Amino acid sequence: MAYAKLSGALLVRKDAPIAETVSVPRAVPVAPAPAVRQGDGLLARHLKSLKLPTFLAQYERLAQQYAAEGLDPSGYLLRLAELELIERERRLIERRVKHARFPAVKGLDTFDFSAVPSLDKNVVLELARCEYVARQENVVAIGDFGTGKTHIAVALGMAACQKGMSVGFVTATSLMNELLEAREEQRLLRLQRRLAGYKVLIIDDLAHVPLSTAGAELLFDVVSQRYERGSTIITSDLPFEEWNNVFGTARLTGAVLDRLTHHVHILHMQGESYRVRHGRTPQPQRRANGAGAGKRVE
């Protein structure tokens, strides 16, 4: 059955009388959409970031078409682009955190600065802005065991992940073993390139256990290759003057410290161990004698 469209508002069968015409609702005409609307520039930037060239090329024409029909989809598209960017960034951060291999996910919001009075909170908060990474500066956290050095290192690493930076976390002993194994398996250069490529490399717990001669030299190579190319965060229970116990010789220790401390932020963390402080057994309490008095509460 043939139909013809009349004036964009009526559908009518060609051989039907006028009484059989069917009325179709029509949008109320509005003024043409302005060439530039609020949010258009921000929307275009979002679409470029999302790598959506068709959206970028067509959204303005379609927006004008929808506006002519009484609708304005640009705000809707803007919100969609914002949500897509937020979700994409969340996934990227989640991926960077996973690749960093942190022992646990911790932030500065859960760190008790009052328990470590020697640590300057303002300095740590400034480091969390990650401007030191752009300057290829290092961070060394030195202090008593259990004062939260690893927590601070992980929190700074998390901040870097949220800023879009690649981060790696490894203990000093594990790193030495990984380097030695890679050398034996003839993949040392590949591992060294990966370690040098991190924007932030965290080497945790450079402690009292001496490194082997070969391991100490390989660890020096890592520090040397990252010098003024990336930021390295190191935690240690030992003050610098005792690092000879780790690297074995004054010559190698001096070479490591020379590169590590040229551009460095030193965090002094003295205090009582968190594990000791929170692991104490509560003292037994006795109830007063009399009615309702029971046994000693253990």
Protein backbone atom coordinates (compact mmCIF):
# COMPACT_ATOMS: atom_id res chain seq x y z
CA MET A 1 0.00 0.00 0.00
CA ALA A 2 1.66 3.26 -1.11
CA TYR A 3 2.01 6.21 1.21
CA ALA A 4 3.31 9.73 0.70
CA LYS A 5 4.74 12.16 3.25
CA LEU A 6 3.10 15.59 3.31
CA SER A 7 4.84 18.59 4.91
CA GLY A 8 6.69 16.32 7.33
CA ALA A 9 3.61 16.13 9.57
CA LEU A 10 1.04 13.84 7.89
CA LEU A 11 1.20 10.32 6.52
CA VAL A 12 -1.48 9.59 3.93
CA ARG A 13 -2.29 6.71 1.64
CA LYS A 14 -2.18 7.88 -1.94
CA ASP A 15 -5.58 6.38 -2.84
CA ALA A 16 -7.28 7.18 0.49
CA PRO A 17 -9.80 9.97 1.11
CA ILE A 18 -8.79 12.86 3.31
CA ALA A 19 -10.68 11.34 6.26
CA GLU A 20 -8.19 8.46 6.44
CA THR A 21 -5.20 10.67 7.04
CA VAL A 22 -3.20 9.89 10.22
CA SER A 23 -1.71 12.68 12.28
CA VAL A 24 1.86 12.21 13.57
CA PRO A 25 3.17 14.40 16.44
CA ARG A 26 5.76 16.85 15.30
CA ALA A 27 8.51 18.57 17.34
CA VAL A 28 7.91 22.23 17.99
CA PRO A 29 10.34 24.25 15.84
CA VAL A 30 13.09 25.98 17.80
CA ALA A 31 15.72 28.49 16.92
CA PRO A 32 18.85 27.07 15.24
CA ALA A 33 21.49 25.85 17.63
CA PRO A 34 24.36 28.23 18.24
CA ALA A 35 27.62 27.37 16.55
CA VAL A 36 29.42 27.07 19.90
CA ARG A 37 27.74 25.87 23.09
CA GLN A 38 29.01 25.76 26.64
CA GLY A 39 31.07 22.63 27.13
CA ASP A 40 31.89 22.07 23.41
CA GLY A 41 35.60 22.76 23.86
CA LEU A 42 35.88 20.44 26.86
CA LEU A 43 33.89 17.75 25.04
CA ALA A 44 36.22 17.95 22.03
CA ARG A 45 39.26 17.53 24.28
CA HIS A 46 37.66 14.50 25.95
CA LEU A 47 36.91 12.90 22.58
CA LYS A 48 40.52 13.40 21.48
CA SER A 49 41.75 11.83 24.71
CA LEU A 50 39.39 8.90 24.15
CA LYS A 51 40.66 8.52 20.56
CA LEU A 52 37.13 8.73 19.08
CA PRO A 53 37.70 10.54 15.75
CA THR A 54 34.19 9.83 14.40
CA PHE A 55 32.60 11.29 17.51
CA LEU A 56 34.85 14.31 17.15
CA ALA A 57 33.95 14.78 13.48
CA GLN A 58 30.20 14.21 13.78
CA TYR A 59 29.06 15.29 17.23
CA GLU A 60 28.55 18.97 16.35
CA ARG A 61 26.46 18.23 13.23
CA LEU A 62 24.34 15.74 15.14
CA ALA A 63 23.98 18.15 18.05
CA GLN A 64 22.60 20.80 15.71
CA GLN A 65 20.22 18.28 14.19
CA TYR A 66 18.94 17.18 17.59
CA ALA A 67 18.64 20.79 18.73
CA ALA A 68 16.48 21.53 15.68
CA GLU A 69 14.14 18.79 16.92
CA GLY A 70 13.95 20.25 20.40
CA LEU A 71 16.75 18.29 22.07
CA ASP A 72 20.28 19.24 23.11
CA PRO A 73 22.49 16.15 23.46
CA SER A 74 25.84 17.92 23.93
CA GLY A 75 25.56 17.93 27.72
CA TYR A 76 24.61 14.27 27.62
CA LEU A 77 27.60 13.42 25.43
CA LEU A 78 29.86 15.51 27.66
CA ARG A 79 28.81 13.56 30.73
CA LEU A 80 29.29 10.26 28.89
CA ALA A 81 32.80 11.30 27.89
CA GLU A 82 33.63 12.31 31.46
CA LEU A 83 32.38 9.00 32.84
CA GLU A 84 34.32 7.07 30.20
CA LEU A 85 37.51 8.97 31.08
CA ILE A 86 37.02 8.41 34.80
CA GLU A 87 36.48 4.68 34.32
CA ARG A 88 39.40 4.37 31.92
CA GLU A 89 41.70 6.16 34.34
CA ARG A 90 40.51 3.93 37.18
CA ARG A 91 41.38 0.85 35.17
CA LEU A 92 44.79 2.26 34.25
CA ILE A 93 45.59 3.02 37.88
CA GLU A 94 44.44 -0.45 38.88
CA ARG A 95 46.71 -1.96 36.21
CA ARG A 96 49.71 0.12 37.28
CA VAL A 97 49.19 -0.87 40.93
CA LYS A 98 48.99 -4.53 39.94
CA HIS A 99 52.17 -4.32 37.86
CA ALA A 100 54.00 -2.56 40.71
CA ARG A 101 53.61 -5.68 42.90
CA PHE A 102 53.18 -3.84 46.17
CA PRO A 103 53.07 -6.14 49.24
CA ALA A 104 49.86 -4.35 50.26
CA VAL A 105 47.90 -1.34 49.08
CA LYS A 106 48.45 1.49 51.56
CA GLY A 107 48.01 5.24 51.44
CA LEU A 108 49.10 8.18 53.52
CA ASP A 109 45.58 8.53 54.89
CA THR A 110 46.15 5.41 57.04
CA PHE A 111 49.61 6.35 58.31
CA ASP A 112 49.88 7.50 61.93
CA PHE A 113 52.29 10.43 61.73
CA SER A 114 51.89 11.10 65.45
CA ALA A 115 53.63 7.80 66.20
CA VAL A 116 56.77 8.90 64.31
CA PRO A 117 57.46 12.47 65.47
CA SER A 118 60.83 12.57 63.70
CA LEU A 119 59.07 12.33 60.33
CA ASP A 120 58.05 15.65 58.81
CA LYS A 121 54.49 15.16 57.55
CA ASN A 122 54.64 18.21 55.29
CA VAL A 123 57.70 16.82 53.51
CA VAL A 124 55.93 13.50 52.88
CA LEU A 125 52.78 15.23 51.60
CA GLU A 126 54.91 17.30 49.26
CA LEU A 127 56.60 14.14 47.98
CA ALA A 128 53.16 12.64 47.34
CA ARG A 129 52.65 15.33 44.69
CA CYS A 130 55.37 13.44 42.73
CA GLU A 131 57.19 16.53 41.52
CA TYR A 132 60.45 14.92 42.68
CA VAL A 133 59.90 12.22 40.04
CA ALA A 134 59.93 14.79 37.24
CA ARG A 135 63.29 15.97 38.61
CA GLN A 136 64.64 12.38 38.84
CA GLU A 137 65.27 12.78 42.58
CA ASN A 138 65.51 9.92 45.05
CA VAL A 139 63.99 9.21 48.46
CA VAL A 140 65.69 7.30 51.28
CA ALA A 141 63.72 6.38 54.41
CA ILE A 142 66.02 5.49 57.30
CA GLY A 143 65.01 4.59 60.82
CA ASP A 144 64.14 1.98 63.39
CA PHE A 145 62.45 -1.22 62.35
CA GLY A 146 58.67 -1.19 62.48
CA THR A 147 58.26 2.58 62.13
CA GLY A 148 56.40 2.41 58.82
CA LYS A 149 59.16 2.91 56.25
CA THR A 150 57.61 0.37 53.90
CA HIS A 151 54.18 1.95 54.42
CA ILE A 152 55.52 5.37 53.40
CA ALA A 153 57.35 3.90 50.39
CA VAL A 154 54.22 2.08 49.19
CA ALA A 155 52.08 5.19 49.72
CA LEU A 156 54.47 7.26 47.60
CA GLY A 157 54.42 4.53 44.98
CA MET A 158 50.61 4.55 45.01
CA ALA A 159 50.63 8.32 44.54
CA ALA A 160 52.90 7.89 41.52
CA CYS A 161 50.56 5.25 40.05
CA GLN A 162 47.67 7.68 40.41
CA LYS A 163 49.73 10.29 38.55
CA GLY A 164 50.14 7.92 35.60
CA MET A 165 53.71 6.81 36.37
CA SER A 166 55.17 3.32 36.14
CA VAL A 167 56.26 1.93 39.51
CA GLY A 168 58.10 -1.20 40.61
CA PHE A 169 58.43 -2.60 44.13
CA VAL A 170 60.97 -5.19 45.26
CA THR A 171 62.92 -6.03 48.41
CA ALA A 172 66.69 -5.67 48.27
CA THR A 173 67.25 -9.40 48.85
CA SER A 174 64.73 -10.43 46.19
CA LEU A 175 66.24 -7.96 43.74
CA MET A 176 69.74 -9.34 44.30
CA ASN A 177 68.51 -12.92 43.77
CA GLU A 178 66.58 -11.93 40.65
CA LEU A 179 69.63 -10.19 39.21
CA LEU A 180 71.88 -13.18 39.90
CA GLU A 181 69.39 -15.61 38.35
CA ALA A 182 68.98 -13.39 35.30
CA ARG A 183 72.74 -13.29 34.81
CA GLU A 184 72.99 -17.07 34.99
CA GLU A 185 70.11 -17.42 32.50
CA GLN A 186 71.60 -14.80 30.16
CA ARG A 187 68.66 -12.40 30.44
CA LEU A 188 70.34 -9.81 32.65
CA LEU A 189 70.23 -7.01 30.07
CA ARG A 190 66.48 -7.42 29.63
CA LEU A 191 65.92 -7.26 33.39
CA GLN A 192 68.19 -4.24 33.74
CA ARG A 193 66.29 -2.41 30.99
CA ARG A 194 63.00 -3.12 32.78
CA LEU A 195 64.35 -1.86 36.11
CA ALA A 196 65.81 1.24 34.47
CA GLY A 197 62.49 1.96 32.75
CA TYR A 198 60.40 2.49 35.89
CA LYS A 199 59.64 6.09 36.71
CA VAL A 200 59.80 5.05 40.38
CA LEU A 201 61.62 1.95 41.64
CA ILE A 202 61.15 1.05 45.31
CA ILE A 203 63.90 -1.10 46.88
CA ASP A 204 62.65 -2.10 50.30
CA ASP A 205 64.52 -3.29 53.38
CA LEU A 206 68.17 -2.73 52.60
CA ALA A 207 68.98 -4.23 55.96
CA HIS A 208 71.62 -5.98 58.02
CA VAL A 209 72.03 -9.06 55.82
CA PRO A 210 75.20 -8.58 53.73
CA LEU A 211 74.86 -8.92 49.99
CA SER A 212 77.15 -11.25 48.10
CA THR A 213 79.96 -9.54 46.20
CA ALA A 214 78.31 -10.26 42.86
CA GLY A 215 74.89 -9.25 44.19
CA ALA A 216 76.21 -5.98 45.61
CA GLU A 217 77.83 -5.10 42.28
CA LEU A 218 74.65 -5.87 40.37
CA LEU A 219 72.61 -3.73 42.78
CA PHE A 220 75.10 -0.92 42.24
CA ASP A 221 74.53 -1.28 38.48
CA VAL A 222 70.79 -0.79 39.01
CA VAL A 223 71.35 2.40 41.02
CA SER A 224 73.91 3.64 38.50
CA GLN A 225 71.70 2.99 35.47
CA ARG A 226 68.81 4.87 37.10
CA TYR A 227 70.95 7.85 38.10
CA GLU A 228 69.27 11.02 36.78
CA ARG A 229 66.94 8.86 34.64
CA GLY A 230 64.36 7.84 37.24
CA SER A 231 63.55 8.12 40.93
CA THR A 232 64.60 5.39 43.36
CA ILE A 233 63.06 4.96 46.82
CA ILE A 234 65.08 2.92 49.33
CA THR A 235 64.15 1.95 52.88
CA SER A 236 66.69 0.77 55.42
CA ASP A 237 67.11 0.23 59.14
CA LEU A 238 70.76 1.24 58.81
CA PRO A 239 72.24 4.74 58.77
CA PHE A 240 74.45 5.51 55.78
CA GLU A 241 77.67 4.96 57.74
CA GLU A 242 76.70 1.32 58.27
CA TRP A 243 75.92 0.52 54.64
CA ASN A 244 79.41 -0.95 54.37
CA ASN A 245 77.94 -3.94 56.20
CA VAL A 246 75.58 -4.47 53.25
CA PHE A 247 77.78 -3.73 50.24
CA GLY A 248 80.95 -5.19 51.71
CA THR A 249 83.50 -2.53 50.76
CA ALA A 250 83.86 1.17 51.38
CA ARG A 251 84.59 1.73 47.67
CA LEU A 252 81.34 0.18 46.46
CA THR A 253 79.32 1.77 49.28
CA GLY A 254 80.72 5.18 48.39
CA ALA A 255 79.88 4.70 44.72
CA VAL A 256 76.28 3.75 45.57
CA LEU A 257 75.80 6.68 47.96
CA ASP A 258 77.42 9.10 45.52
CA ARG A 259 74.73 8.40 42.91
CA LEU A 260 71.86 7.84 45.31
CA THR A 261 72.29 10.94 47.47
CA HIS A 262 73.23 13.47 44.79
CA HIS A 263 69.54 14.44 44.49
CA VAL A 264 67.82 12.94 47.51
CA HIS A 265 65.11 13.48 50.11
CA ILE A 266 66.00 11.74 53.37
CA LEU A 267 63.17 10.71 55.69
CA HIS A 268 64.28 10.08 59.28
CA MET A 269 61.91 7.68 61.01
CA GLN A 270 62.78 7.00 64.63
CA GLY A 271 60.25 5.61 67.07
CA GLU A 272 58.72 2.54 68.61
CA SER A 273 57.84 -0.39 66.38
CA TYR A 274 54.22 -0.39 65.23
CA ARG A 275 54.07 -4.17 65.61
CA VAL A 276 55.45 -4.02 69.15
CA ARG A 277 53.19 -1.13 70.08
CA HIS A 278 50.05 -2.89 68.85
CA GLY A 279 51.08 -6.37 69.85
CA ARG A 280 51.28 -5.87 73.60
CA THR A 281 49.03 -8.13 75.68
CA PRO A 282 46.53 -6.08 77.71
CA GLN A 283 47.13 -6.23 81.45
CA PRO A 284 44.62 -8.40 83.40
CA GLN A 285 41.94 -6.45 85.23
CA ARG A 286 40.13 -7.40 88.43
CA ARG A 287 36.54 -6.63 89.19
CA ALA A 288 35.57 -5.16 92.51
CA ASN A 289 34.40 -7.61 95.18
CA GLY A 290 30.72 -7.73 96.01
CA ALA A 291 27.47 -8.69 94.39
CA GLY A 292 27.89 -9.70 90.80
CA ALA A 293 31.69 -9.91 91.11
CA GLY A 294 33.17 -12.60 88.95
CA LYS A 295 36.52 -14.09 88.15
CA ARG A 296 39.43 -12.07 86.94
CA VAL A 297 39.00 -10.91 83.33
CA GLU A 298 41.82 -12.38 81.22
